[in-house]
């Protein structure tokens, strides 16, 4: 797993790293569940430790996901602008063509 800044990673790298972080967190919680099942008296402490262990992974996954969402929003904004420009230019061309017919 790369400690690189989220904005320096490709979309594929972001997706891969989020998936790896999720897998690690789920594995840790599954392990905690097994430990808590074996020692019910300590289950609260076991789950607290698991939460503490996974907190950095979850924070990293959230940062990566925030970057991914920001990229999708920027992409959508570019597409909206392009559609608006195409619509305006297309309308101008149609109006020009109609004015030339008269």
PDB file of N, CA and C in Angstrom:
ATOM      1  N   UNK A   1       0.839  -1.160   0.000  1.00  0.00           N
ATOM      2  CA  UNK A   1       0.000   0.000   0.000  1.00  0.00           C
ATOM      3  C   UNK A   1       0.895   1.237   0.000  1.00  0.00           C
ATOM      4  N   UNK A   2       0.544   2.176  -0.809  1.00  0.00           N
ATOM      5  CA  UNK A   2       1.356   3.367  -0.992  1.00  0.00           C
ATOM      6  C   UNK A   2       0.896   4.495  -0.083  1.00  0.00           C
ATOM      7  N   UNK A   3       1.836   5.150   0.601  1.00  0.00           N
ATOM      8  CA  UNK A   3       1.458   6.295   1.424  1.00  0.00           C
ATOM      9  C   UNK A   3       1.416   7.590   0.623  1.00  0.00           C
ATOM     10  N   UNK A   4       1.322   7.498  -0.684  1.00  0.00           N
ATOM     11  CA  UNK A   4       1.313   8.672  -1.544  1.00  0.00           C
ATOM     12  C   UNK A   4       0.090   9.536  -1.282  1.00  0.00           C
ATOM     13  N   UNK A   5       0.222  10.805  -1.657  1.00  0.00           N
ATOM     14  CA  UNK A   5      -0.916  11.716  -1.557  1.00  0.00           C
ATOM     15  C   UNK A   5      -2.001  11.237  -2.517  1.00  0.00           C
ATOM     16  N   UNK A   6      -3.254  11.305  -2.102  1.00  0.00           N
ATOM     17  CA  UNK A   6      -4.329  10.819  -2.966  1.00  0.00           C
ATOM     18  C   UNK A   6      -4.369  11.475  -4.341  1.00  0.00           C
ATOM     19  N   UNK A   7      -4.022  12.751  -4.417  1.00  0.00           N
ATOM     20  CA  UNK A   7      -4.083  13.429  -5.712  1.00  0.00           C
ATOM     21  C   UNK A   7      -2.948  13.025  -6.648  1.00  0.00           C
ATOM     22  N   UNK A   8      -1.973  12.274  -6.143  1.00  0.00           N
ATOM     23  CA  UNK A   8      -0.866  11.805  -6.978  1.00  0.00           C
ATOM     24  C   UNK A   8      -1.120  10.405  -7.542  1.00  0.00           C
ATOM     25  N   UNK A   9      -2.214   9.774  -7.111  1.00  0.00           N
ATOM     26  CA  UNK A   9      -2.511   8.410  -7.537  1.00  0.00           C
ATOM     27  C   UNK A   9      -3.473   8.405  -8.726  1.00  0.00           C
ATOM     28  N   UNK A  10      -3.392   7.363  -9.516  1.00  0.00           N
ATOM     29  CA  UNK A  10      -4.343   7.195 -10.616  1.00  0.00           C
ATOM     30  C   UNK A  10      -5.659   6.684 -10.050  1.00  0.00           C
ATOM     31  N   UNK A  11      -6.702   6.748 -10.866  1.00  0.00           N
ATOM     32  CA  UNK A  11      -8.006   6.241 -10.427  1.00  0.00           C
ATOM     33  C   UNK A  11      -7.923   4.756 -10.079  1.00  0.00           C
ATOM     34  N   UNK A  12      -7.205   4.000 -10.874  1.00  0.00           N
ATOM     35  CA  UNK A  12      -7.065   2.565 -10.614  1.00  0.00           C
ATOM     36  C   UNK A  12      -6.315   2.319  -9.302  1.00  0.00           C
ATOM     37  N   UNK A  13      -5.279   3.104  -9.046  1.00  0.00           N
ATOM     38  CA  UNK A  13      -4.531   2.955  -7.797  1.00  0.00           C
ATOM     39  C   UNK A  13      -5.396   3.297  -6.589  1.00  0.00           C
ATOM     40  N   UNK A  14      -6.212   4.337  -6.725  1.00  0.00           N
ATOM     41  CA  UNK A  14      -7.113   4.712  -5.634  1.00  0.00           C
ATOM     42  C   UNK A  14      -8.085   3.570  -5.348  1.00  0.00           C
ATOM     43  N   UNK A  15      -8.695   3.028  -6.395  1.00  0.00           N
ATOM     44  CA  UNK A  15      -9.654   1.931  -6.211  1.00  0.00           C
ATOM     45  C   UNK A  15      -8.984   0.719  -5.586  1.00  0.00           C
ATOM     46  N   UNK A  16      -7.784   0.390  -6.059  1.00  0.00           N
ATOM     47  CA  UNK A  16      -7.053  -0.759  -5.522  1.00  0.00           C
ATOM     48  C   UNK A  16      -6.711  -0.560  -4.044  1.00  0.00           C
ATOM     49  N   UNK A  17      -6.265   0.654  -3.705  1.00  0.00           N
ATOM     50  CA  UNK A  17      -5.869   0.900  -2.323  1.00  0.00           C
ATOM     51  C   UNK A  17      -7.084   0.908  -1.396  1.00  0.00           C
ATOM     52  N   UNK A  18      -8.196   1.470  -1.845  1.00  0.00           N
ATOM     53  CA  UNK A  18      -9.412   1.442  -1.025  1.00  0.00           C
ATOM     54  C   UNK A  18      -9.840   0.000  -0.784  1.00  0.00           C
ATOM     55  N   UNK A  19      -9.792  -0.804  -1.826  1.00  0.00           N
ATOM     56  CA  UNK A  19     -10.178  -2.214  -1.681  1.00  0.00           C
ATOM     57  C   UNK A  19      -9.255  -2.933  -0.695  1.00  0.00           C
ATOM     58  N   UNK A  20      -7.967  -2.667  -0.770  1.00  0.00           N
ATOM     59  CA  UNK A  20      -7.017  -3.307   0.146  1.00  0.00           C
ATOM     60  C   UNK A  20      -7.249  -2.855   1.590  1.00  0.00           C
ATOM     61  N   UNK A  21      -7.525  -1.561   1.770  1.00  0.00           N
ATOM     62  CA  UNK A  21      -7.796  -1.058   3.118  1.00  0.00           C
ATOM     63  C   UNK A  21      -9.078  -1.663   3.690  1.00  0.00           C
ATOM     64  N   UNK A  22     -10.097  -1.787   2.844  1.00  0.00           N
ATOM     65  CA  UNK A  22     -11.342  -2.411   3.298  1.00  0.00           C
ATOM     66  C   UNK A  22     -11.104  -3.865   3.695  1.00  0.00           C
ATOM     67  N   UNK A  23     -10.339  -4.569   2.891  1.00  0.00           N
ATOM     68  CA  UNK A  23     -10.061  -5.979   3.191  1.00  0.00           C
ATOM     69  C   UNK A  23      -9.330  -6.106   4.524  1.00  0.00           C
ATOM     70  N   UNK A  24      -8.341  -5.236   4.758  1.00  0.00           N
ATOM     71  CA  UNK A  24      -7.600  -5.286   6.026  1.00  0.00           C
ATOM     72  C   UNK A  24      -8.514  -4.992   7.203  1.00  0.00           C
ATOM     73  N   UNK A  25      -9.375  -3.978   7.055  1.00  0.00           N
ATOM     74  CA  UNK A  25     -10.278  -3.601   8.150  1.00  0.00           C
ATOM     75  C   UNK A  25     -11.271  -4.731   8.434  1.00  0.00           C
ATOM     76  N   UNK A  26     -11.855  -5.305   7.379  1.00  0.00           N
ATOM     77  CA  UNK A  26     -12.796  -6.402   7.582  1.00  0.00           C
ATOM     78  C   UNK A  26     -12.107  -7.600   8.245  1.00  0.00           C
ATOM     79  N   UNK A  27     -10.888  -7.878   7.809  1.00  0.00           N
ATOM     80  CA  UNK A  27     -10.142  -8.992   8.405  1.00  0.00           C
ATOM     81  C   UNK A  27      -9.888  -8.740   9.894  1.00  0.00           C
ATOM     82  N   UNK A  28      -9.536  -7.514  10.216  1.00  0.00           N
ATOM     83  CA  UNK A  28      -9.275  -7.162  11.623  1.00  0.00           C
ATOM     84  C   UNK A  28     -10.534  -7.297  12.460  1.00  0.00           C
ATOM     85  N   UNK A  29     -11.667  -6.828  11.932  1.00  0.00           N
ATOM     86  CA  UNK A  29     -12.930  -6.942  12.674  1.00  0.00           C
ATOM     87  C   UNK A  29     -13.387  -8.396  12.784  1.00  0.00           C
ATOM     88  N   UNK A  30     -13.166  -9.188  11.757  1.00  0.00           N
ATOM     89  CA  UNK A  30     -13.504 -10.612  11.853  1.00  0.00           C
ATOM     90  C   UNK A  30     -12.668 -11.287  12.929  1.00  0.00           C
ATOM     91  N   UNK A  31     -11.389 -10.937  12.982  1.00  0.00           N
ATOM     92  CA  UNK A  31     -10.515 -11.482  14.016  1.00  0.00           C
ATOM     93  C   UNK A  31     -11.002 -11.053  15.400  1.00  0.00           C
ATOM     94  N   UNK A  32     -11.410  -9.794  15.523  1.00  0.00           N
ATOM     95  CA  UNK A  32     -11.918  -9.302  16.804  1.00  0.00           C
ATOM     96  C   UNK A  32     -13.196 -10.042  17.198  1.00  0.00           C
ATOM     97  N   UNK A  33     -14.042 -10.328  16.223  1.00  0.00           N
ATOM     98  CA  UNK A  33     -15.277 -11.053  16.519  1.00  0.00           C
ATOM     99  C   UNK A  33     -14.967 -12.459  17.031  1.00  0.00           C
ATOM    100  N   UNK A  34     -13.989 -13.103  16.424  1.00  0.00           N
ATOM    101  CA  UNK A  34     -13.605 -14.439  16.894  1.00  0.00           C
ATOM    102  C   UNK A  34     -13.024 -14.380  18.303  1.00  0.00           C
ATOM    103  N   UNK A  35     -12.205 -13.371  18.566  1.00  0.00           N
ATOM    104  CA  UNK A  35     -11.629 -13.224  19.904  1.00  0.00           C
ATOM    105  C   UNK A  35     -12.718 -12.940  20.939  1.00  0.00           C
ATOM    106  N   UNK A  36     -13.679 -12.083  20.563  1.00  0.00           N
ATOM    107  CA  UNK A  36     -14.765 -11.739  21.487  1.00  0.00           C
ATOM    108  C   UNK A  36     -15.655 -12.940  21.753  1.00  0.00           C
ATOM    109  N   UNK A  37     -15.825 -13.776  20.755  1.00  0.00           N
ATOM    110  CA  UNK A  37     -16.624 -14.988  20.932  1.00  0.00           C
ATOM    111  C   UNK A  37     -15.924 -15.948  21.897  1.00  0.00           C
ATOM    112  N   UNK A  38     -14.598 -15.997  21.811  1.00  0.00           N
ATOM    113  CA  UNK A  38     -13.835 -16.887  22.686  1.00  0.00           C
ATOM    114  C   UNK A  38     -13.756 -16.342  24.115  1.00  0.00           C
ATOM    115  N   UNK A  39     -13.799 -15.015  24.260  1.00  0.00           N
ATOM    116  CA  UNK A  39     -13.692 -14.399  25.588  1.00  0.00           C
ATOM    117  C   UNK A  39     -14.738 -13.296  25.711  1.00  0.00           C
ATOM    118  N   UNK A  40     -16.012 -13.658  25.940  1.00  0.00           N
ATOM    119  CA  UNK A  40     -17.098 -12.669  25.986  1.00  0.00           C
ATOM    120  C   UNK A  40     -16.908 -11.588  27.047  1.00  0.00           C
ATOM    121  N   UNK A  41     -16.224 -11.886  28.103  1.00  0.00           N
ATOM    122  CA  UNK A  41     -16.023 -10.899  29.174  1.00  0.00           C
ATOM    123  C   UNK A  41     -15.177  -9.717  28.698  1.00  0.00           C
ATOM    124  N   UNK A  42     -14.317  -9.948  27.749  1.00  0.00           N
ATOM    125  CA  UNK A  42     -13.425  -8.897  27.240  1.00  0.00           C
ATOM    126  C   UNK A  42     -13.879  -8.349  25.884  1.00  0.00           C
ATOM    127  N   UNK A  43     -15.064  -8.679  25.459  1.00  0.00           N
ATOM    128  CA  UNK A  43     -15.492  -8.320  24.101  1.00  0.00           C
ATOM    129  C   UNK A  43     -15.461  -6.810  23.853  1.00  0.00           C
ATOM    130  N   UNK A  44     -15.873  -6.014  24.827  1.00  0.00           N
ATOM    131  CA  UNK A  44     -15.859  -4.558  24.635  1.00  0.00           C
ATOM    132  C   UNK A  44     -14.432  -4.056  24.395  1.00  0.00           C
ATOM    133  N   UNK A  45     -13.494  -4.556  25.172  1.00  0.00           N
ATOM    134  CA  UNK A  45     -12.093  -4.144  25.015  1.00  0.00           C
ATOM    135  C   UNK A  45     -11.527  -4.634  23.683  1.00  0.00           C
ATOM    136  N   UNK A  46     -11.914  -5.821  23.290  1.00  0.00           N
ATOM    137  CA  UNK A  46     -11.430  -6.377  22.021  1.00  0.00           C
ATOM    138  C   UNK A  46     -11.923  -5.542  20.850  1.00  0.00           C
ATOM    139  N   UNK A  47     -13.216  -5.193  20.875  1.00  0.00           N
ATOM    140  CA  UNK A  47     -13.762  -4.377  19.784  1.00  0.00           C
ATOM    141  C   UNK A  47     -13.182  -2.961  19.791  1.00  0.00           C
ATOM    142  N   UNK A  48     -12.936  -2.415  20.981  1.00  0.00           N
ATOM    143  CA  UNK A  48     -12.319  -1.087  21.080  1.00  0.00           C
ATOM    144  C   UNK A  48     -10.921  -1.101  20.478  1.00  0.00           C
ATOM    145  N   UNK A  49     -10.181  -2.163  20.745  1.00  0.00           N
ATOM    146  CA  UNK A  49      -8.827  -2.292  20.181  1.00  0.00           C
ATOM    147  C   UNK A  49      -8.883  -2.427  18.665  1.00  0.00           C
ATOM    148  N   UNK A  50      -9.845  -3.195  18.179  1.00  0.00           N
ATOM    149  CA  UNK A  50      -9.997  -3.352  16.730  1.00  0.00           C
ATOM    150  C   UNK A  50     -10.341  -2.014  16.084  1.00  0.00           C
ATOM    151  N   UNK A  51     -11.207  -1.247  16.727  1.00  0.00           N
ATOM    152  CA  UNK A  51     -11.568   0.065  16.204  1.00  0.00           C
ATOM    153  C   UNK A  51     -10.362   0.999  16.189  1.00  0.00           C
ATOM    154  N   UNK A  52      -9.567   0.930  17.244  1.00  0.00           N
ATOM    155  CA  UNK A  52      -8.352   1.744  17.327  1.00  0.00           C
ATOM    156  C   UNK A  52      -7.355   1.332  16.234  1.00  0.00           C
ATOM    157  N   UNK A  53      -7.223   0.038  16.002  1.00  0.00           N
ATOM    158  CA  UNK A  53      -6.288  -0.464  14.995  1.00  0.00           C
ATOM    159  C   UNK A  53      -6.698  -0.054  13.577  1.00  0.00           C
ATOM    160  N   UNK A  54      -7.995  -0.045  13.324  1.00  0.00           N
ATOM    161  CA  UNK A  54      -8.473   0.230  11.964  1.00  0.00           C
ATOM    162  C   UNK A  54      -8.683   1.708  11.688  1.00  0.00           C
ATOM    163  N   UNK A  55      -8.644   2.551  12.700  1.00  0.00           N
ATOM    164  CA  UNK A  55      -8.904   3.982  12.515  1.00  0.00           C
ATOM    165  C   UNK A  55      -7.998   4.621  11.448  1.00  0.00           C
ATOM    166  N   UNK A  56      -6.686   4.356  11.433  1.00  0.00           N
ATOM    167  CA  UNK A  56      -5.846   4.962  10.390  1.00  0.00           C
ATOM    168  C   UNK A  56      -6.207   4.457   8.986  1.00  0.00           C
ATOM    169  N   UNK A  57      -6.577   3.197   8.886  1.00  0.00           N
ATOM    170  CA  UNK A  57      -6.947   2.636   7.578  1.00  0.00           C
ATOM    171  C   UNK A  57      -8.233   3.280   7.073  1.00  0.00           C
ATOM    172  N   UNK A  58      -9.176   3.450   7.986  1.00  0.00           N
ATOM    173  CA  UNK A  58     -10.454   4.063   7.608  1.00  0.00           C
ATOM    174  C   UNK A  58     -10.247   5.523   7.224  1.00  0.00           C
ATOM    175  N   UNK A  59      -9.400   6.218   7.962  1.00  0.00           N
ATOM    176  CA  UNK A  59      -9.111   7.620   7.628  1.00  0.00           C
ATOM    177  C   UNK A  59      -8.461   7.725   6.247  1.00  0.00           C
ATOM    178  N   UNK A  60      -7.533   6.839   5.961  1.00  0.00           N
ATOM    179  CA  UNK A  60      -6.873   6.833   4.638  1.00  0.00           C
ATOM    180  C   UNK A  60      -7.889   6.514   3.537  1.00  0.00           C
ATOM    181  N   UNK A  61      -8.749   5.538   3.769  1.00  0.00           N
ATOM    182  CA  UNK A  61      -9.765   5.186   2.772  1.00  0.00           C
ATOM    183  C   UNK A  61     -10.725   6.356   2.548  1.00  0.00           C
ATOM    184  N   UNK A  62     -11.076   7.060   3.614  1.00  0.00           N
ATOM    185  CA  UNK A  62     -11.945   8.236   3.464  1.00  0.00           C
ATOM    186  C   UNK A  62     -11.261   9.328   2.644  1.00  0.00           C
ATOM    187  N   UNK A  63      -9.969   9.551   2.890  1.00  0.00           N
ATOM    188  CA  UNK A  63      -9.232  10.558   2.122  1.00  0.00           C
ATOM    189  C   UNK A  63      -9.166  10.168   0.647  1.00  0.00           C
ATOM    190  N   UNK A  64      -8.925   8.900   0.385  1.00  0.00           N
ATOM    191  CA  UNK A  64      -8.881   8.424  -1.002  1.00  0.00           C
ATOM    192  C   UNK A  64     -10.243   8.563  -1.671  1.00  0.00           C
ATOM    193  N   UNK A  65     -11.288   8.219  -0.949  1.00  0.00           N
ATOM    194  CA  UNK A  65     -12.631   8.324  -1.508  1.00  0.00           C
ATOM    195  C   UNK A  65     -13.006   9.787  -1.761  1.00  0.00           C
ATOM    196  N   UNK A  66     -12.606  10.675  -0.864  1.00  0.00           N
ATOM    197  CA  UNK A  66     -12.868  12.106  -1.075  1.00  0.00           C
ATOM    198  C   UNK A  66     -12.196  12.598  -2.357  1.00  0.00           C
ATOM    199  N   UNK A  67     -10.976  12.135  -2.598  1.00  0.00           N
ATOM    200  CA  UNK A  67     -10.277  12.514  -3.832  1.00  0.00           C
ATOM    201  C   UNK A  67     -11.006  11.955  -5.047  1.00  0.00           C
ATOM    202  N   UNK A  68     -11.465  10.722  -4.955  1.00  0.00           N
ATOM    203  CA  UNK A  68     -12.179  10.104  -6.077  1.00  0.00           C
ATOM    204  C   UNK A  68     -13.464  10.868  -6.382  1.00  0.00           C
ATOM    205  N   UNK A  69     -14.198  11.246  -5.345  1.00  0.00           N
ATOM    206  CA  UNK A  69     -15.438  12.014  -5.532  1.00  0.00           C
ATOM    207  C   UNK A  69     -15.131  13.379  -6.137  1.00  0.00           C
ATOM    208  N   UNK A  70     -14.079  14.021  -5.667  1.00  0.00           N
ATOM    209  CA  UNK A  70     -13.699  15.331  -6.215  1.00  0.00           C
ATOM    210  C   UNK A  70     -13.352  15.216  -7.698  1.00  0.00           C
ATOM    211  N   UNK A  71     -12.671  14.153  -8.074  1.00  0.00           N
ATOM    212  CA  UNK A  71     -12.346  13.950  -9.493  1.00  0.00           C
ATOM    213  C   UNK A  71     -13.604  13.759 -10.326  1.00  0.00           C
ATOM    214  N   UNK A  72     -14.539  12.953  -9.824  1.00  0.00           N
ATOM    215  CA  UNK A  72     -15.784  12.731 -10.569  1.00  0.00           C
ATOM    216  C   UNK A  72     -16.585  14.017 -10.689  1.00  0.00           C
ATOM    217  N   UNK A  73     -16.586  14.836  -9.655  1.00  0.00           N
ATOM    218  CA  UNK A  73     -17.307  16.123  -9.726  1.00  0.00           C
ATOM    219  C   UNK A  73     -16.663  17.055 -10.738  1.00  0.00           C
ATOM    220  N   UNK A  74     -15.328  17.103 -10.745  1.00  0.00           N
ATOM    221  CA  UNK A  74     -14.644  17.956 -11.738  1.00  0.00           C
ATOM    222  C   UNK A  74     -14.932  17.463 -13.149  1.00  0.00           C
ATOM    223  N   UNK A  75     -14.928  16.155 -13.343  1.00  0.00           N
ATOM    224  CA  UNK A  75     -15.211  15.586 -14.658  1.00  0.00           C
ATOM    225  C   UNK A  75     -16.643  15.916 -15.083  1.00  0.00           C
ATOM    226  N   UNK A  76     -17.585  15.780 -14.180  1.00  0.00           N
ATOM    227  CA  UNK A  76     -18.987  16.093 -14.497  1.00  0.00           C
ATOM    228  C   UNK A  76     -19.143  17.569 -14.841  1.00  0.00           C
ATOM    229  N   UNK A  77     -18.426  18.416 -14.131  1.00  0.00           N
ATOM    230  CA  UNK A  77     -18.497  19.849 -14.416  1.00  0.00           C
ATOM    231  C   UNK A  77     -17.943  20.147 -15.812  1.00  0.00           C
ATOM    232  N   UNK A  78     -16.852  19.501 -16.193  1.00  0.00           N
ATOM    233  CA  UNK A  78     -16.301  19.699 -17.546  1.00  0.00           C
ATOM    234  C   UNK A  78     -17.291  19.238 -18.611  1.00  0.00           C
ATOM    235  N   UNK A  79     -17.955  18.098 -18.380  1.00  0.00           N
ATOM    236  CA  UNK A  79     -18.936  17.594 -19.345  1.00  0.00           C
ATOM    237  C   UNK A  79     -20.130  18.531 -19.447  1.00  0.00           C
ATOM    238  N   UNK A  80     -20.574  19.080 -18.313  1.00  0.00           N
ATOM    239  CA  UNK A  80     -21.684  20.036 -18.352  1.00  0.00           C
ATOM    240  C   UNK A  80     -21.307  21.276 -19.155  1.00  0.00           C
ATOM    241  N   UNK A  81     -20.104  21.774 -18.926  1.00  0.00           N
ATOM    242  CA  UNK A  81     -19.648  22.945 -19.698  1.00  0.00           C
ATOM    243  C   UNK A  81     -19.578  22.630 -21.185  1.00  0.00           C
ATOM    244  N   UNK A  82     -19.042  21.470 -21.520  1.00  0.00           N
ATOM    245  CA  UNK A  82     -18.943  21.077 -22.932  1.00  0.00           C
ATOM    246  C   UNK A  82     -20.330  20.968 -23.549  1.00  0.00           C
ATOM    247  N   UNK A  83     -21.274  20.388 -22.842  1.00  0.00           N
ATOM    248  CA  UNK A  83     -22.638  20.265 -23.365  1.00  0.00           C
ATOM    249  C   UNK A  83     -23.262  21.633 -23.566  1.00  0.00           C
ATOM    250  N   UNK A  84     -23.023  22.545 -22.641  1.00  0.00           N
ATOM    251  CA  UNK A  84     -23.554  23.899 -22.770  1.00  0.00           C
ATOM    252  C   UNK A  84     -22.950  24.607 -23.980  1.00  0.00           C
ATOM    253  N   UNK A  85     -21.654  24.491 -24.157  1.00  0.00           N
ATOM    254  CA  UNK A  85     -20.991  25.124 -25.308  1.00  0.00           C
ATOM    255  C   UNK A  85     -21.511  24.529 -26.607  1.00  0.00           C
ATOM    256  N   UNK A  86     -21.640  23.223 -26.664  1.00  0.00           N
ATOM    257  CA  UNK A  86     -22.151  22.578 -27.879  1.00  0.00           C
ATOM    258  C   UNK A  86     -23.582  23.037 -28.157  1.00  0.00           C
ATOM    259  N   UNK A  87     -24.382  23.153 -27.133  1.00  0.00           N
ATOM    260  CA  UNK A  87     -25.756  23.621 -27.305  1.00  0.00           C
ATOM    261  C   UNK A  87     -25.823  25.044 -27.821  1.00  0.00           C
ATOM    262  N   UNK A  88     -24.998  25.916 -27.265  1.00  0.00           N
ATOM    263  CA  UNK A  88     -24.979  27.315 -27.699  1.00  0.00           C
ATOM    264  C   UNK A  88     -24.474  27.424 -29.129  1.00  0.00           C
ATOM    265  N   UNK A  89     -23.391  26.742 -29.443  1.00  0.00           N
ATOM    266  CA  UNK A  89     -22.839  26.785 -30.806  1.00  0.00           C
ATOM    267  C   UNK A  89     -23.830  26.173 -31.793  1.00  0.00           C
ATOM    268  N   UNK A  90     -24.445  25.061 -31.431  1.00  0.00           N
ATOM    269  CA  UNK A  90     -25.427  24.430 -32.307  1.00  0.00           C
ATOM    270  C   UNK A  90     -26.610  25.338 -32.572  1.00  0.00           C
ATOM    271  N   UNK A  91     -27.088  26.010 -31.535  1.00  0.00           N
ATOM    272  CA  UNK A  91     -28.199  26.956 -31.709  1.00  0.00           C
ATOM    273  C   UNK A  91     -27.790  28.102 -32.616  1.00  0.00           C
ATOM    274  N   UNK A  92     -26.593  28.605 -32.429  1.00  0.00           N
ATOM    275  CA  UNK A  92     -26.110  29.695 -33.276  1.00  0.00           C
ATOM    276  C   UNK A  92     -26.002  29.243 -34.730  1.00  0.00           C
ATOM    277  N   UNK A  93     -25.524  28.053 -34.968  1.00  0.00           N
ATOM    278  CA  UNK A  93     -25.397  27.539 -36.339  1.00  0.00           C
ATOM    279  C   UNK A  93     -26.773  27.375 -36.967  1.00  0.00           C
ATOM    280  N   UNK A  94     -27.729  26.827 -36.228  1.00  0.00           N
ATOM    281  CA  UNK A  94     -29.083  26.655 -36.771  1.00  0.00           C
ATOM    282  C   UNK A  94     -29.702  28.007 -37.086  1.00  0.00           C
ATOM    283  N   UNK A  95     -29.561  28.960 -36.179  1.00  0.00           N
ATOM    284  CA  UNK A  95     -30.095  30.297 -36.440  1.00  0.00           C
ATOM    285  C   UNK A  95     -29.423  30.938 -37.644  1.00  0.00           C
ATOM    286  N   UNK A  96     -28.122  30.758 -37.777  1.00  0.00           N
ATOM    287  CA  UNK A  96     -27.394  31.297 -38.935  1.00  0.00           C
ATOM    288  C   UNK A  96     -27.912  30.664 -40.218  1.00  0.00           C
ATOM    289  N   UNK A  97     -28.090  29.332 -40.195  1.00  0.00           N
ATOM    290  CA  UNK A  97     -28.588  28.630 -41.385  1.00  0.00           C
ATOM    291  C   UNK A  97     -30.009  29.100 -41.733  1.00  0.00           C
ATOM    292  N   UNK A  98     -30.851  29.300 -40.743  1.00  0.00           N
ATOM    293  CA  UNK A  98     -32.217  29.783 -41.008  1.00  0.00           C
ATOM    294  C   UNK A  98     -32.190  31.198 -41.572  1.00  0.00           C
ATOM    295  N   UNK A  99     -31.279  32.011 -41.083  1.00  0.00           N
ATOM    296  CA  UNK A  99     -31.213  33.398 -41.593  1.00  0.00           C
ATOM    297  C   UNK A  99     -30.686  33.428 -43.020  1.00  0.00           C
ATOM    298  N   UNK A 100     -29.893  32.472 -43.412  1.00  0.00           N
ATOM    299  CA  UNK A 100     -29.337  32.423 -44.772  1.00  0.00           C
ATOM    300  C   UNK A 100     -30.391  31.931 -45.777  1.00  0.00           C
ATOM    301  N   UNK A 101     -31.409  31.189 -45.301  1.00  0.00           N
ATOM    302  CA  UNK A 101     -32.433  30.655 -46.195  1.00  0.00           C
ATOM    303  C   UNK A 101     -33.415  31.742 -46.631  1.00  0.00           C
ATOM    304  N   UNK A 102     -33.530  32.795 -45.909  1.00  0.00           N
ATOM    305  CA  UNK A 102     -34.527  33.818 -46.243  1.00  0.00           C
ATOM    306  C   UNK A 102     -34.018  34.837 -47.205  1.00  0.00           C
TER     307      UNK A 102
END
